[in-house]
Protein backbone atom coordinates (compact mmCIF):
# COMPACT_ATOMS: atom_id res chain seq x y z
CA MET A 1 105.31 82.91 90.98
CA ARG A 2 107.19 83.80 87.81
CA LEU A 3 106.81 80.66 85.74
CA LEU A 4 109.34 78.63 83.89
CA ARG A 5 107.33 78.28 80.72
CA GLU A 6 110.26 76.49 79.16
CA TYR A 7 109.95 73.97 81.97
CA ILE A 8 106.54 72.94 80.66
CA ARG A 9 107.02 73.19 76.95
CA GLU A 10 110.21 71.17 76.91
CA ILE A 11 110.61 69.67 80.27
CA LEU A 12 107.87 67.26 80.80
CA LEU A 13 109.13 65.63 77.62
CA THR A 14 112.00 63.67 79.07
CA GLU A 15 113.97 63.69 75.87
CA ALA A 16 114.16 67.51 76.00
CA ALA A 17 115.41 67.73 79.58
CA LYS A 18 119.14 68.31 80.07
CA GLY A 19 121.32 67.01 82.89
CA PRO A 20 124.91 67.02 84.18
CA ALA A 21 126.21 65.11 81.16
CA ASP A 22 125.06 67.96 78.91
CA LEU A 23 127.09 70.64 80.68
CA THR A 24 129.81 72.17 78.55
CA ASP A 25 133.28 72.99 79.87
CA ASP A 26 132.34 76.60 80.63
CA MET A 27 129.15 75.78 82.55
CA ASN A 28 128.82 75.42 86.30
CA VAL A 29 126.06 75.26 88.90
CA LEU A 30 125.91 77.37 92.04
CA ILE A 31 123.73 76.53 95.04
CA LYS A 32 123.65 79.42 97.46
CA THR A 33 121.76 80.06 100.67
CA GLN A 34 121.41 83.23 102.68
CA GLY A 35 119.11 83.17 105.67
CA ASN A 36 115.93 81.45 104.51
CA THR A 37 116.50 82.01 100.79
CA LEU A 38 117.85 79.38 98.39
CA TRP A 39 119.24 80.10 94.92
CA VAL A 40 120.08 77.46 92.32
CA ARG A 41 121.87 79.04 89.35
CA LEU A 42 123.30 77.73 86.11
CA ALA A 43 126.00 79.89 84.49
CA GLY A 44 127.88 79.57 81.23
CA LYS A 45 128.94 81.46 78.15
CA ASP A 46 126.23 83.54 76.49
CA PRO A 47 125.39 81.54 73.32
CA LYS A 48 124.87 84.84 71.46
CA ARG A 49 128.43 85.96 72.23
CA GLY A 50 130.23 82.68 71.75
CA ASP A 51 133.40 82.33 73.78
CA SER A 52 133.79 86.05 74.34
CA GLY A 53 132.52 87.86 77.39
CA PRO A 54 131.95 86.83 81.01
CA LEU A 55 129.84 83.93 82.23
CA HIS A 56 126.13 84.45 81.72
CA LEU A 57 123.19 83.42 83.92
CA LEU A 58 121.44 80.67 81.93
CA GLY A 59 118.85 79.68 84.53
CA GLU A 60 117.78 80.24 88.12
CA VAL A 61 115.32 78.92 90.69
CA VAL A 62 114.74 80.85 93.92
CA ALA A 63 112.87 79.43 96.91
CA GLU A 64 112.22 80.85 100.37
CA ARG A 65 111.12 79.76 103.82
CA ASP A 66 108.96 81.99 106.01
CA THR A 67 107.95 79.84 108.95
CA GLU A 68 106.16 82.67 110.75
CA LYS A 69 103.84 83.30 107.82
CA HIS A 70 103.81 79.80 106.32
CA PRO A 71 105.03 76.99 108.66
CA CYS A 72 104.48 74.42 105.87
CA SER A 73 106.74 71.86 107.61
CA ASN A 74 109.67 74.21 106.97
CA ALA A 75 109.36 73.81 103.19
CA PHE A 76 111.21 75.99 100.71
CA ILE A 77 108.52 77.69 98.61
CA VAL A 78 109.44 78.51 95.01
CA SER A 79 109.17 82.26 94.52
CA TRP A 80 111.00 82.82 91.21
CA SER A 81 112.28 80.79 88.30
CA LYS A 82 113.64 81.60 84.86
CA VAL A 83 115.57 79.78 82.17
CA ARG A 84 117.36 81.58 79.34
CA GLU A 85 118.55 78.43 77.58
CA SER A 86 115.93 75.76 77.07
CA GLY A 87 116.09 72.30 78.62
CA TRP A 88 117.71 73.17 81.96
CA GLY A 89 114.53 73.78 83.96
CA PRO A 90 114.06 70.19 85.17
CA MET A 91 117.60 69.95 86.52
CA LEU A 92 117.35 73.28 88.36
CA TYR A 93 114.04 72.37 89.99
CA ASP A 94 115.34 68.93 90.95
CA LEU A 95 118.51 70.44 92.41
CA ALA A 96 116.44 72.85 94.50
CA MET A 97 114.45 69.89 95.76
CA GLU A 98 117.55 67.82 96.47
CA TYR A 99 119.19 70.62 98.43
CA ALA A 100 116.00 71.40 100.36
CA THR A 101 115.65 67.71 101.23
CA SER A 102 119.28 67.53 102.36
CA GLN A 103 118.48 70.32 104.82
CA GLY A 104 115.61 68.36 106.33
CA SER A 105 113.07 70.31 104.30
CA GLY A 106 111.45 70.01 100.87
CA LEU A 107 110.12 72.06 97.97
CA MET A 108 106.62 73.29 97.23
CA ALA A 109 104.67 75.66 95.00
CA ASP A 110 104.08 79.35 95.59
CA ARG A 111 101.21 79.85 98.03
CA ALA A 112 99.77 83.01 96.47
CA MET A 113 99.70 82.44 92.71
CA VAL A 114 100.35 79.48 90.43
CA SER A 115 99.81 79.59 86.67
CA SER A 116 98.34 76.68 84.75
CA ASP A 117 101.81 75.78 83.45
CA ALA A 118 103.21 75.74 86.98
CA PHE A 119 100.31 73.60 88.17
CA ASN A 120 101.28 71.02 85.54
CA VAL A 121 104.82 70.95 86.94
CA TRP A 122 103.61 70.04 90.40
CA GLN A 123 101.06 67.58 89.02
CA TYR A 124 103.92 65.88 87.20
CA TYR A 125 105.91 65.59 90.44
CA ALA A 126 102.85 64.17 92.18
CA ASP A 127 101.87 61.61 89.54
CA GLN A 128 104.93 60.70 87.49
CA ARG A 129 108.00 60.83 89.70
CA GLY A 130 108.52 57.67 91.73
CA ASP A 131 111.81 59.10 93.01
CA VAL A 132 110.00 62.01 94.69
CA GLU A 133 108.35 61.72 98.10
CA LYS A 134 105.07 63.59 98.58
CA ILE A 135 104.36 65.05 102.03
CA GLN A 136 100.77 66.10 102.65
CA LEU A 137 100.40 69.43 104.46
CA ASP A 138 97.51 70.79 106.52
CA ASP A 139 95.56 73.97 105.89
CA ALA A 140 96.02 77.21 107.83
CA GLU A 141 93.04 76.36 110.04
CA ASP A 142 94.67 73.13 111.30
CA ASN A 143 91.81 70.93 110.04
CA LEU A 144 93.71 67.89 108.80
CA THR A 145 96.08 67.27 111.75
CA PRO A 146 94.54 69.15 114.69
CA GLY A 147 97.09 70.16 117.30
CA ASP A 148 100.06 69.87 114.94
CA THR A 149 100.56 73.41 113.66
CA ALA A 150 104.01 72.80 112.12
CA ASP A 151 102.45 71.48 108.92
CA ASN A 152 99.88 74.28 108.62
CA CYS A 153 100.06 76.00 105.26
CA THR A 154 97.73 78.36 103.45
CA GLN A 155 95.69 76.33 100.97
CA LYS A 156 93.48 79.02 99.45
CA LEU A 157 94.48 78.13 95.89
CA VAL A 158 93.61 74.50 96.59
CA TYR A 159 90.20 75.22 98.11
CA LYS A 160 89.40 77.74 95.35
CA GLY A 161 89.88 74.96 92.81
CA THR A 162 92.50 76.92 90.90
CA HIS A 163 93.32 74.96 87.71
CA THR A 164 91.27 71.93 88.79
CA GLY A 165 87.74 73.29 89.05
CA GLU A 166 87.38 71.16 92.20
CA ARG A 167 86.32 73.80 94.72
CA TRP A 168 85.42 73.63 98.39
CA GLU A 169 82.79 76.30 98.93
CA GLY A 170 83.53 76.76 102.63
CA PHE A 171 87.06 78.08 102.25
CA ASP A 172 85.98 81.75 102.31
CA LEU A 173 83.18 81.39 104.86
CA ASN A 174 84.43 81.78 108.41
CA ASP A 175 81.50 79.91 109.94
CA GLU A 176 81.59 76.99 107.51
CA PRO A 177 82.82 73.76 109.16
CA TRP A 178 85.41 71.66 107.38
CA ASP A 179 83.65 68.73 105.80
CA PRO A 180 84.54 65.58 103.81
CA ARG A 181 84.48 67.60 100.59
CA GLY A 182 87.09 69.99 101.95
CA LYS A 183 89.30 67.08 102.99
CA GLU A 184 88.92 65.41 99.59
CA ILE A 185 89.91 68.60 97.78
CA LEU A 186 92.94 69.10 100.02
CA LEU A 187 94.27 65.56 99.66
CA SER A 188 93.80 65.33 95.89
CA ASN A 189 95.52 68.57 94.87
CA PRO A 190 99.28 68.58 94.08
CA LEU A 191 99.64 72.15 95.36
CA SER A 192 98.81 71.04 98.90
CA LYS A 193 102.01 69.03 99.27
CA MET A 194 105.71 69.37 99.93
CA TYR A 195 108.02 67.33 97.70
CA ARG A 196 111.23 65.66 98.81
CA SER A 197 113.92 63.98 96.75
CA LYS A 198 114.95 60.41 97.50
CA GLY A 199 118.67 61.04 97.62
CA THR A 200 120.87 63.62 95.91
CA PRO A 201 121.79 62.01 92.56
CA LEU A 202 122.15 65.26 90.61
CA MET A 203 124.24 66.95 93.30
CA ASP A 204 126.43 63.84 93.47
CA GLN A 205 126.93 63.82 89.68
CA LEU A 206 127.78 67.52 89.59
CA ASN A 207 130.26 67.11 92.44
CA ALA A 208 131.94 64.22 90.62
CA LEU A 209 132.26 66.40 87.52
CA GLY A 210 133.62 69.35 89.51
CA LYS A 211 130.65 71.40 88.35
CA LEU A 212 128.97 72.28 91.65
CA GLU A 213 129.80 75.27 93.81
CA MET A 214 128.18 75.69 97.22
CA LYS A 215 127.95 78.99 99.08
């Protein structure tokens, strides 16, 4: 996943995060879906050009669903994110989560690669956000909820102990039975979960301001 480094450097500090009240007259937010892909985009005037020139992409979060490859309870999996003007990362991620939740889904981390900065984002959602619901997902081998394959999701990064150092040795051994250590690792890692918003407060604020476009 291409990381929002701005999201970590400025974002987890609440005072640096921007929201709907900080939008200028020229800014607007677009939430677009096509098939199983979700885009959340912030556009406005390029600060380097002032008022001249067309609207400029200031930030974007892209998430995708691939239920054949990753059932993951139908979660949208973040596949790309970038912010060109600092402070907007938290709002874009939260909007992606709100929209995904409104569609009966949720948001989760990339299943193939997560940087240490990205890991901190998901750890923050898991530990610090009381307004975010955490949904535990199973592994691809159906160990946690046998017989319910809808929540199966590859958990290789979790079992490898990526960013935590808490590793389950049996993840890459086909004949190794799942054991209490594997379960402990799965349940304790923020990357093993889908996150859902409790309501749509940001979408509601943007709609009230006339700043949200849906496609």
